[in-house]
Amino acid sequence: MLWGVPNFALTAGMSALFGAGLVSFSQMGNIFSKVVMGWLTDRLGIYVTVVLQLVLVAASMVMFMLAPSAEALCVAAFLFGF
């Protein structure tokens, strides 16, 4: 799904290089989430953790659509990695 992010950045008026950076932010979020979500799964259980991940991904999709700035897009990409 991340293959379309550089094209999304182009249509949003940004460079393909910035879009590639968004992919990198997403992967950083993915690495970070492995540790955090593993710890939460041990503490809260798998059901609560999966619901939390789905909420974070849904929030990141909304942020991608409504992001007013490049910084907001970076935060959305990081959350999308979760």
C-alpha atoms as a PDB file:
ATOM      1  CA  MET A   1       0.000   0.000   0.000  1.00  0.00           C
ATOM      2  CA  LEU A   2       2.930   2.328   0.550  1.00  0.00           C
ATOM      3  CA  TRP A   3       3.852   2.295  -3.139  1.00  0.00           C
ATOM      4  CA  GLY A   4       1.237   4.996  -3.756  1.00  0.00           C
ATOM      5  CA  VAL A   5       2.509   7.458  -1.160  1.00  0.00           C
ATOM      6  CA  PRO A   6       5.031   9.245  -3.434  1.00  0.00           C
ATOM      7  CA  ASN A   7       2.272   9.685  -6.037  1.00  0.00           C
ATOM      8  CA  PHE A   8      -0.024  11.006  -3.318  1.00  0.00           C
ATOM      9  CA  ALA A   9       2.636  13.552  -2.381  1.00  0.00           C
ATOM     10  CA  LEU A  10       2.892  14.641  -6.021  1.00  0.00           C
ATOM     11  CA  THR A  11      -0.855  15.171  -6.294  1.00  0.00           C
ATOM     12  CA  ALA A  12      -0.771  17.127  -3.015  1.00  0.00           C
ATOM     13  CA  GLY A  13       1.770  19.515  -4.558  1.00  0.00           C
ATOM     14  CA  MET A  14       4.852  18.103  -2.877  1.00  0.00           C
ATOM     15  CA  SER A  15       7.860  16.328  -4.337  1.00  0.00           C
ATOM     16  CA  ALA A  16       8.298  12.606  -4.900  1.00  0.00           C
ATOM     17  CA  LEU A  17      11.296  12.842  -2.570  1.00  0.00           C
ATOM     18  CA  PHE A  18       9.005  14.089   0.200  1.00  0.00           C
ATOM     19  CA  GLY A  19       6.688  11.177  -0.585  1.00  0.00           C
ATOM     20  CA  ALA A  20       9.593   8.771  -0.202  1.00  0.00           C
ATOM     21  CA  GLY A  21      10.288  10.426   3.147  1.00  0.00           C
ATOM     22  CA  LEU A  22       6.694   9.725   4.145  1.00  0.00           C
ATOM     23  CA  VAL A  23       7.294   6.043   3.391  1.00  0.00           C
ATOM     24  CA  SER A  24      10.334   6.201   5.682  1.00  0.00           C
ATOM     25  CA  PHE A  25       8.262   7.805   8.451  1.00  0.00           C
ATOM     26  CA  SER A  26       5.727   5.014   8.054  1.00  0.00           C
ATOM     27  CA  GLN A  27       8.420   2.379   8.423  1.00  0.00           C
ATOM     28  CA  MET A  28       9.804   4.125  11.521  1.00  0.00           C
ATOM     29  CA  GLY A  29       6.310   3.963  12.988  1.00  0.00           C
ATOM     30  CA  ASN A  30       6.169   0.273  12.129  1.00  0.00           C
ATOM     31  CA  ILE A  31       9.441  -0.432  13.935  1.00  0.00           C
ATOM     32  CA  PHE A  32       8.358   1.574  16.976  1.00  0.00           C
ATOM     33  CA  SER A  33       4.925  -0.083  17.054  1.00  0.00           C
ATOM     34  CA  LYS A  34       6.356  -3.595  17.303  1.00  0.00           C
ATOM     35  CA  VAL A  35       7.772  -2.808  20.723  1.00  0.00           C
ATOM     36  CA  VAL A  36       4.840  -0.725  21.969  1.00  0.00           C
ATOM     37  CA  MET A  37       2.086  -3.005  20.708  1.00  0.00           C
ATOM     38  CA  GLY A  38       3.881  -6.115  21.978  1.00  0.00           C
ATOM     39  CA  TRP A  39       4.079  -4.585  25.425  1.00  0.00           C
ATOM     40  CA  LEU A  40       0.407  -3.517  25.277  1.00  0.00           C
ATOM     41  CA  THR A  41      -0.641  -6.983  24.139  1.00  0.00           C
ATOM     42  CA  ASP A  42       1.061  -8.482  27.197  1.00  0.00           C
ATOM     43  CA  ARG A  43      -0.672  -5.979  29.490  1.00  0.00           C
ATOM     44  CA  LEU A  44      -4.131  -5.513  27.929  1.00  0.00           C
ATOM     45  CA  GLY A  45      -4.686  -8.526  25.708  1.00  0.00           C
ATOM     46  CA  ILE A  46      -4.781  -8.987  21.981  1.00  0.00           C
ATOM     47  CA  TYR A  47      -8.353  -7.779  21.382  1.00  0.00           C
ATOM     48  CA  VAL A  48      -7.813  -4.349  22.939  1.00  0.00           C
ATOM     49  CA  THR A  49      -4.473  -3.956  21.161  1.00  0.00           C
ATOM     50  CA  VAL A  50      -5.886  -4.832  17.738  1.00  0.00           C
ATOM     51  CA  VAL A  51      -8.772  -2.398  18.223  1.00  0.00           C
ATOM     52  CA  LEU A  52      -6.279   0.294  19.229  1.00  0.00           C
ATOM     53  CA  GLN A  53      -4.195  -0.379  16.112  1.00  0.00           C
ATOM     54  CA  LEU A  54      -7.268  -0.154  13.895  1.00  0.00           C
ATOM     55  CA  VAL A  55      -8.263   3.150  15.484  1.00  0.00           C
ATOM     56  CA  LEU A  56      -4.752   4.530  14.937  1.00  0.00           C
ATOM     57  CA  VAL A  57      -4.743   3.465  11.277  1.00  0.00           C
ATOM     58  CA  ALA A  58      -8.210   4.980  10.739  1.00  0.00           C
ATOM     59  CA  ALA A  59      -7.054   8.226  12.376  1.00  0.00           C
ATOM     60  CA  SER A  60      -3.988   8.295  10.143  1.00  0.00           C
ATOM     61  CA  MET A  61      -6.162   7.886   7.039  1.00  0.00           C
ATOM     62  CA  VAL A  62      -8.281  10.862   8.106  1.00  0.00           C
ATOM     63  CA  MET A  63      -5.100  12.831   8.815  1.00  0.00           C
ATOM     64  CA  PHE A  64      -3.776  11.998   5.332  1.00  0.00           C
ATOM     65  CA  MET A  65      -6.951  13.402   3.786  1.00  0.00           C
ATOM     66  CA  LEU A  66      -7.151  16.540   5.926  1.00  0.00           C
ATOM     67  CA  ALA A  67      -3.493  17.330   6.660  1.00  0.00           C
ATOM     68  CA  PRO A  68      -2.935  21.090   6.511  1.00  0.00           C
ATOM     69  CA  SER A  69       0.866  20.903   6.455  1.00  0.00           C
ATOM     70  CA  ALA A  70       3.861  18.743   5.660  1.00  0.00           C
ATOM     71  CA  GLU A  71       4.423  18.122   9.357  1.00  0.00           C
ATOM     72  CA  ALA A  72       0.903  16.762   9.736  1.00  0.00           C
ATOM     73  CA  LEU A  73       1.539  14.427   6.810  1.00  0.00           C
ATOM     74  CA  CYS A  74       4.666  13.142   8.551  1.00  0.00           C
ATOM     75  CA  VAL A  75       2.673  12.444  11.730  1.00  0.00           C
ATOM     76  CA  ALA A  76      -0.021  10.707   9.668  1.00  0.00           C
ATOM     77  CA  ALA A  77       2.585   8.538   7.952  1.00  0.00           C
ATOM     78  CA  PHE A  78       4.128   7.614  11.311  1.00  0.00           C
ATOM     79  CA  LEU A  79       0.719   6.616  12.698  1.00  0.00           C
ATOM     80  CA  PHE A  80      -0.058   4.700   9.523  1.00  0.00           C
ATOM     81  CA  GLY A  81       2.990   2.560  10.252  1.00  0.00           C
ATOM     82  CA  PHE A  82       1.380   1.350  13.451  1.00  0.00           C
END
